[in-house]
N, C-alpha and C. Protein backbone atom coordinates (compact mmCIF):
# COMPACT_ATOMS: atom_id res chain seq x y z
N MET A 1 20.47 -8.67 -47.70
CA MET A 1 21.16 -8.10 -46.34
C MET A 1 20.35 -7.78 -45.59
N ASP A 2 20.02 -8.37 -44.43
CA ASP A 2 18.48 -7.37 -43.87
C ASP A 2 19.52 -6.25 -42.54
N PHE A 3 19.43 -5.04 -43.14
CA PHE A 3 19.96 -3.89 -42.73
C PHE A 3 18.90 -3.45 -41.47
N SER A 4 18.13 -4.31 -40.74
CA SER A 4 17.38 -4.22 -39.76
C SER A 4 17.99 -4.41 -38.75
N LYS A 5 19.07 -5.31 -38.94
CA LYS A 5 19.90 -5.96 -37.97
C LYS A 5 20.62 -5.14 -37.63
N LEU A 6 20.62 -3.54 -38.05
CA LEU A 6 21.55 -2.35 -37.64
C LEU A 6 20.85 -1.56 -36.75
N TYR A 7 19.58 -2.02 -36.44
CA TYR A 7 19.03 -0.70 -36.02
C TYR A 7 17.71 -1.13 -35.31
N ARG A 8 16.76 -2.38 -35.48
CA ARG A 8 15.77 -2.93 -34.89
C ARG A 8 16.27 -3.37 -33.56
N PRO A 9 15.88 -3.28 -31.89
CA PRO A 9 16.45 -3.57 -31.04
C PRO A 9 16.19 -5.45 -30.78
N SER A 10 15.08 -5.84 -31.59
CA SER A 10 14.93 -6.97 -31.43
C SER A 10 16.13 -7.93 -32.15
N ALA A 11 16.98 -7.24 -33.32
CA ALA A 11 17.64 -8.09 -34.05
C ALA A 11 18.96 -7.85 -33.69
N LEU A 12 19.31 -7.11 -32.83
CA LEU A 12 20.82 -6.73 -32.08
C LEU A 12 20.97 -8.09 -31.44
N ASN A 13 22.46 -8.38 -31.66
CA ASN A 13 23.13 -9.44 -31.19
C ASN A 13 23.75 -8.78 -29.74
N SER A 14 24.24 -9.85 -28.94
CA SER A 14 24.92 -9.29 -27.63
C SER A 14 25.58 -8.31 -27.72
N PHE A 15 26.60 -8.16 -28.94
CA PHE A 15 27.68 -6.91 -28.97
C PHE A 15 27.00 -5.62 -29.17
N GLN A 16 25.99 -5.99 -29.99
CA GLN A 16 25.45 -4.34 -30.43
C GLN A 16 24.93 -4.15 -28.92
N TYR A 17 23.97 -5.04 -28.75
CA TYR A 17 23.08 -4.45 -27.14
C TYR A 17 24.04 -3.49 -26.45
N ILE A 18 25.31 -4.36 -25.95
CA ILE A 18 26.08 -4.02 -25.08
C ILE A 18 26.38 -2.50 -25.63
N ALA A 19 26.86 -2.36 -26.57
CA ALA A 19 27.77 -1.06 -27.20
C ALA A 19 26.38 -0.42 -26.95
N VAL A 20 25.30 -0.66 -27.48
CA VAL A 20 24.17 0.59 -27.68
C VAL A 20 23.67 1.56 -25.86
N VAL A 21 23.67 0.17 -25.16
CA VAL A 21 23.37 0.47 -23.65
C VAL A 21 24.78 1.11 -23.00
N GLY A 22 25.92 0.89 -23.54
CA GLY A 22 27.39 1.21 -22.80
C GLY A 22 27.25 2.93 -23.34
N ALA A 23 26.72 3.26 -24.74
CA ALA A 23 27.25 4.44 -25.68
C ALA A 23 26.40 5.39 -24.47
N ILE A 24 25.04 4.75 -24.46
CA ILE A 24 23.99 6.24 -23.59
C ILE A 24 24.29 5.81 -21.93
N MET A 25 24.78 4.86 -21.62
CA MET A 25 25.20 5.23 -20.08
C MET A 25 26.29 6.02 -20.08
N SER A 26 27.26 5.89 -20.97
CA SER A 26 28.57 6.76 -20.99
C SER A 26 27.90 8.24 -21.28
N GLY A 27 27.27 8.37 -22.09
CA GLY A 27 26.38 9.72 -22.33
C GLY A 27 26.06 10.33 -21.29
N GLY A 28 24.93 9.37 -20.61
CA GLY A 28 24.28 10.01 -19.24
C GLY A 28 25.41 10.28 -18.24
N ALA A 29 26.29 9.36 -18.18
CA ALA A 29 27.55 9.98 -17.16
C ALA A 29 27.92 11.15 -17.01
N GLN A 30 28.06 11.21 -18.76
CA GLN A 30 28.85 12.40 -18.75
C GLN A 30 28.01 13.99 -18.58
N LEU A 31 26.82 13.76 -19.26
CA LEU A 31 25.80 14.52 -18.85
C LEU A 31 25.97 15.10 -16.98
N ILE A 32 25.70 14.09 -16.25
CA ILE A 32 25.76 14.35 -14.80
C ILE A 32 26.94 14.58 -14.83
N ILE A 33 28.25 14.25 -15.26
CA ILE A 33 29.60 15.25 -14.60
C ILE A 33 29.88 16.53 -14.47
N ARG A 34 28.92 17.13 -16.29
CA ARG A 34 28.82 18.34 -16.45
C ARG A 34 27.51 19.46 -15.47
N TRP A 35 26.83 18.62 -15.54
CA TRP A 35 25.83 19.04 -14.62
C TRP A 35 26.34 19.59 -13.20
N LEU A 36 27.23 18.48 -12.75
CA LEU A 36 28.10 18.49 -11.25
C LEU A 36 28.95 20.07 -11.20
N GLY A 37 28.86 20.20 -12.65
CA GLY A 37 30.81 21.16 -12.69
C GLY A 37 31.80 20.44 -12.73
N GLN A 38 31.83 19.26 -12.52
CA GLN A 38 33.40 18.39 -12.33
C GLN A 38 34.04 18.37 -13.73
N THR A 39 34.94 17.89 -13.66
CA THR A 39 36.09 18.08 -14.77
C THR A 39 35.67 16.20 -15.17
N GLN A 40 35.91 16.57 -16.66
CA GLN A 40 35.42 15.48 -17.13
C GLN A 40 36.91 14.75 -16.76
N PRO A 41 36.76 13.13 -16.82
CA PRO A 41 38.30 12.64 -17.02
C PRO A 41 39.01 12.57 -18.31
N GLU A 42 40.28 12.33 -18.08
CA GLU A 42 41.05 12.44 -19.23
C GLU A 42 40.59 10.94 -20.05
N GLY A 43 40.41 11.12 -21.10
CA GLY A 43 40.18 10.35 -22.09
C GLY A 43 38.93 9.54 -22.14
N TYR A 44 38.22 10.31 -21.44
CA TYR A 44 36.87 9.89 -21.40
C TYR A 44 35.97 9.39 -22.65
N ASN A 45 36.17 10.36 -23.99
CA ASN A 45 35.65 10.17 -25.18
C ASN A 45 36.22 8.86 -25.86
N TYR A 46 37.23 8.65 -25.64
CA TYR A 46 37.84 7.11 -25.67
C TYR A 46 36.86 6.31 -25.72
N LEU A 47 35.90 6.24 -24.28
CA LEU A 47 35.11 5.34 -24.29
C LEU A 47 33.77 5.11 -25.67
N TYR A 48 33.88 6.25 -26.29
CA TYR A 48 32.95 6.19 -26.95
C TYR A 48 33.47 5.56 -28.31
N LEU A 49 34.52 5.49 -28.46
CA LEU A 49 35.06 4.95 -29.57
C LEU A 49 35.33 3.30 -29.62
N CYS A 50 35.45 2.96 -28.08
CA CYS A 50 35.21 1.21 -27.76
C CYS A 50 34.14 1.10 -27.79
N TRP A 51 32.86 1.77 -27.88
CA TRP A 51 31.49 1.21 -27.99
C TRP A 51 31.29 1.27 -29.60
N LEU A 52 31.81 1.94 -29.99
CA LEU A 52 31.77 1.97 -31.42
C LEU A 52 32.46 1.12 -31.93
N GLY A 53 33.54 0.47 -31.83
CA GLY A 53 34.46 -0.51 -32.17
C GLY A 53 33.51 -1.91 -31.95
N LEU A 54 32.81 -1.68 -30.63
CA LEU A 54 32.10 -2.85 -30.35
C LEU A 54 30.74 -3.36 -31.13
N TYR A 55 30.69 -1.86 -31.61
CA TYR A 55 28.93 -2.25 -32.32
C TYR A 55 29.47 -2.51 -33.67
N VAL A 56 30.09 -2.33 -34.14
CA VAL A 56 31.04 -2.66 -35.55
C VAL A 56 31.14 -4.15 -35.86
N ALA A 57 32.09 -4.71 -34.51
CA ALA A 57 32.24 -6.22 -34.48
C ALA A 57 30.90 -6.90 -34.85
N GLY A 58 30.09 -6.34 -33.44
CA GLY A 58 28.74 -6.50 -33.34
C GLY A 58 27.84 -7.06 -34.51
N THR A 59 27.99 -6.05 -35.80
CA THR A 59 27.15 -5.76 -36.70
C THR A 59 27.87 -6.54 -37.82
N LEU A 60 29.03 -6.66 -37.64
CA LEU A 60 30.04 -7.40 -38.69
C LEU A 60 29.15 -9.05 -38.63
N LEU A 61 29.40 -9.80 -37.45
CA LEU A 61 28.65 -10.86 -36.52
C LEU A 61 27.36 -11.28 -37.33
N ASN A 62 26.49 -9.99 -37.18
CA ASN A 62 25.04 -10.05 -37.00
C ASN A 62 24.85 -10.73 -38.77
N LEU A 63 25.43 -9.88 -39.19
CA LEU A 63 25.54 -9.71 -40.63
C LEU A 63 25.93 -10.64 -41.53
N PHE A 64 27.18 -11.01 -41.31
CA PHE A 64 27.71 -12.20 -41.96
C PHE A 64 28.02 -13.26 -40.98
N GLY A 65 28.12 -13.44 -39.92
CA GLY A 65 27.95 -14.63 -39.53
C GLY A 65 27.08 -15.39 -39.50
N LYS A 66 27.31 -16.77 -39.63
CA LYS A 66 26.64 -18.23 -39.66
C LYS A 66 25.84 -18.05 -38.48
N PRO A 67 24.15 -18.24 -38.89
CA PRO A 67 23.41 -18.65 -37.80
C PRO A 67 23.74 -19.60 -36.80
N ASP A 68 23.25 -19.38 -35.44
CA ASP A 68 23.43 -20.37 -34.66
C ASP A 68 22.60 -21.35 -34.49
N SER A 69 23.01 -22.82 -34.76
CA SER A 69 21.94 -23.56 -34.70
C SER A 69 21.37 -24.03 -33.05
N GLY A 70 22.18 -23.65 -32.69
CA GLY A 70 21.77 -23.66 -30.87
C GLY A 70 20.53 -23.04 -30.23
N HIS A 71 20.08 -21.84 -31.10
CA HIS A 71 19.11 -21.02 -30.99
C HIS A 71 17.50 -21.97 -30.49
N HIS A 72 17.47 -23.13 -31.02
CA HIS A 72 16.05 -23.51 -30.60
C HIS A 72 15.43 -24.15 -29.41
N HIS A 73 14.69 -23.49 -29.30
CA HIS A 73 13.82 -23.71 -27.99
C HIS A 73 12.70 -24.38 -27.98
N HIS A 74 12.86 -25.48 -27.26
CA HIS A 74 11.68 -26.74 -27.05
C HIS A 74 11.58 -27.02 -25.89
N HIS A 75 10.18 -27.14 -25.74
CA HIS A 75 9.24 -27.10 -24.43
C HIS A 75 8.60 -28.63 -24.24
């Protein structure tokens, strides 16, 4: 099993990539909200659970899914 599919950016699938970028953007937004002295929206932290769920689902697909035969590039 290739565990580099968990952390190597070039090995991440779309779901994992979206989850990582979403978590980073949510964290950045949270820092900006705090920096501006605003109150955090109720339930904001549930976003991180959603990103984690998407990442886990993407990881399972990446590790156990069948390779897509449609990825051949012909020039």
